[in-house]
Amino acid sequence: MARGWESKAVEDQIGAAEAAREARAKPHLSNDERKQQERRQSLLLSRAQVLSRLKVATNPRYREQLERALKDLDAKLSEVDRLN
């Protein structure tokens, strides 16, 4: 039983060392950079959602609304990319 606890502790130490190594490998972002990155990801997710709705939309007015939303999202994405 004691041996099980020891192996678990060693496993935890190995996991912590790997996590620390990965954290050092990732670049540290400033708050502004992180916010811009989150904003871009949010816009990309919204764009994907609009595209999937556009694929199945049959109502012409709804399709037009989705196409306008897609144009707006593309404009916002280009603005975010231009700031980077």
Protein backbone atom coordinates (compact mmCIF):
# COMPACT_ATOMS: atom_id res chain seq x y z
CA MET A 1 0.00 0.00 0.00
CA ALA A 2 2.81 2.41 0.81
CA ARG A 3 4.41 1.60 -2.49
CA GLY A 4 1.25 2.76 -4.32
CA TRP A 5 1.39 6.11 -2.56
CA GLU A 6 5.05 6.54 -3.49
CA SER A 7 4.48 5.78 -7.14
CA LYS A 8 1.57 8.23 -7.20
CA ALA A 9 3.78 10.94 -5.69
CA VAL A 10 6.47 10.29 -8.30
CA GLU A 11 3.85 10.39 -11.05
CA ASP A 12 2.60 13.74 -9.74
CA GLN A 13 6.16 15.12 -9.67
CA ILE A 14 6.73 14.03 -13.27
CA GLY A 15 3.45 15.62 -14.33
CA ALA A 16 4.30 18.86 -12.56
CA ALA A 17 7.73 18.97 -14.20
CA GLU A 18 6.18 18.43 -17.66
CA ALA A 19 3.60 21.16 -17.02
CA ALA A 20 6.33 23.57 -15.94
CA ARG A 21 8.36 22.73 -19.06
CA GLU A 22 5.34 23.39 -21.30
CA ALA A 23 4.61 26.69 -19.53
CA ARG A 24 8.16 27.87 -20.17
CA ALA A 25 7.93 26.87 -23.84
CA LYS A 26 4.81 28.98 -24.45
CA PRO A 27 5.38 32.67 -25.10
CA HIS A 28 4.05 35.00 -22.44
CA LEU A 29 1.50 37.44 -23.79
CA SER A 30 0.69 40.85 -22.43
CA ASN A 31 -2.88 41.57 -21.38
CA ASP A 32 -3.54 43.50 -24.59
CA GLU A 33 -2.13 40.70 -26.74
CA ARG A 34 -4.19 38.12 -24.88
CA LYS A 35 -7.36 40.23 -25.31
CA GLN A 36 -6.69 40.62 -29.03
CA GLN A 37 -6.12 36.90 -29.37
CA GLU A 38 -9.34 36.13 -27.49
CA ARG A 39 -11.22 38.67 -29.64
CA ARG A 40 -9.92 37.04 -32.82
CA GLN A 41 -10.88 33.56 -31.61
CA SER A 42 -14.35 34.81 -30.71
CA LEU A 43 -14.80 36.36 -34.16
CA LEU A 44 -13.62 33.17 -35.84
CA LEU A 45 -16.09 31.10 -33.86
CA SER A 46 -18.91 33.49 -34.71
CA ARG A 47 -17.91 33.38 -38.36
CA ALA A 48 -17.97 29.58 -38.38
CA GLN A 49 -21.41 29.61 -36.80
CA VAL A 50 -22.77 32.08 -39.36
CA LEU A 51 -21.32 30.00 -42.20
CA SER A 52 -22.93 26.82 -40.92
CA ARG A 53 -26.29 28.59 -40.63
CA LEU A 54 -25.87 30.05 -44.10
CA LYS A 55 -25.38 26.57 -45.58
CA VAL A 56 -28.82 25.43 -44.43
CA ALA A 57 -30.78 28.69 -44.63
CA THR A 58 -33.55 28.70 -47.23
CA ASN A 59 -35.37 31.95 -46.44
CA PRO A 60 -33.96 34.71 -48.70
CA ARG A 61 -34.28 37.42 -46.04
CA TYR A 62 -32.54 35.26 -43.44
CA ARG A 63 -29.77 34.41 -45.92
CA GLU A 64 -29.32 38.14 -46.63
CA GLN A 65 -29.07 38.85 -42.91
CA LEU A 66 -26.48 36.10 -42.49
CA GLU A 67 -24.47 37.39 -45.43
CA ARG A 68 -24.42 40.88 -43.90
CA ALA A 69 -23.31 39.39 -40.60
CA LEU A 70 -20.55 37.50 -42.41
CA LYS A 71 -19.32 40.69 -44.10
CA ASP A 72 -19.32 42.46 -40.74
CA LEU A 73 -17.36 39.66 -39.08
CA ASP A 74 -14.84 39.63 -41.93
CA ALA A 75 -14.36 43.39 -41.55
CA LYS A 76 -13.82 43.03 -37.81
CA LEU A 77 -11.36 40.16 -38.36
CA SER A 78 -9.33 42.20 -40.84
CA GLU A 79 -9.26 45.08 -38.35
CA VAL A 80 -7.99 42.78 -35.58
CA ASP A 81 -5.37 41.33 -37.94
CA ARG A 82 -4.28 44.81 -39.00
CA LEU A 83 -3.68 45.75 -35.34
CA ASN A 84 -1.35 42.79 -34.89
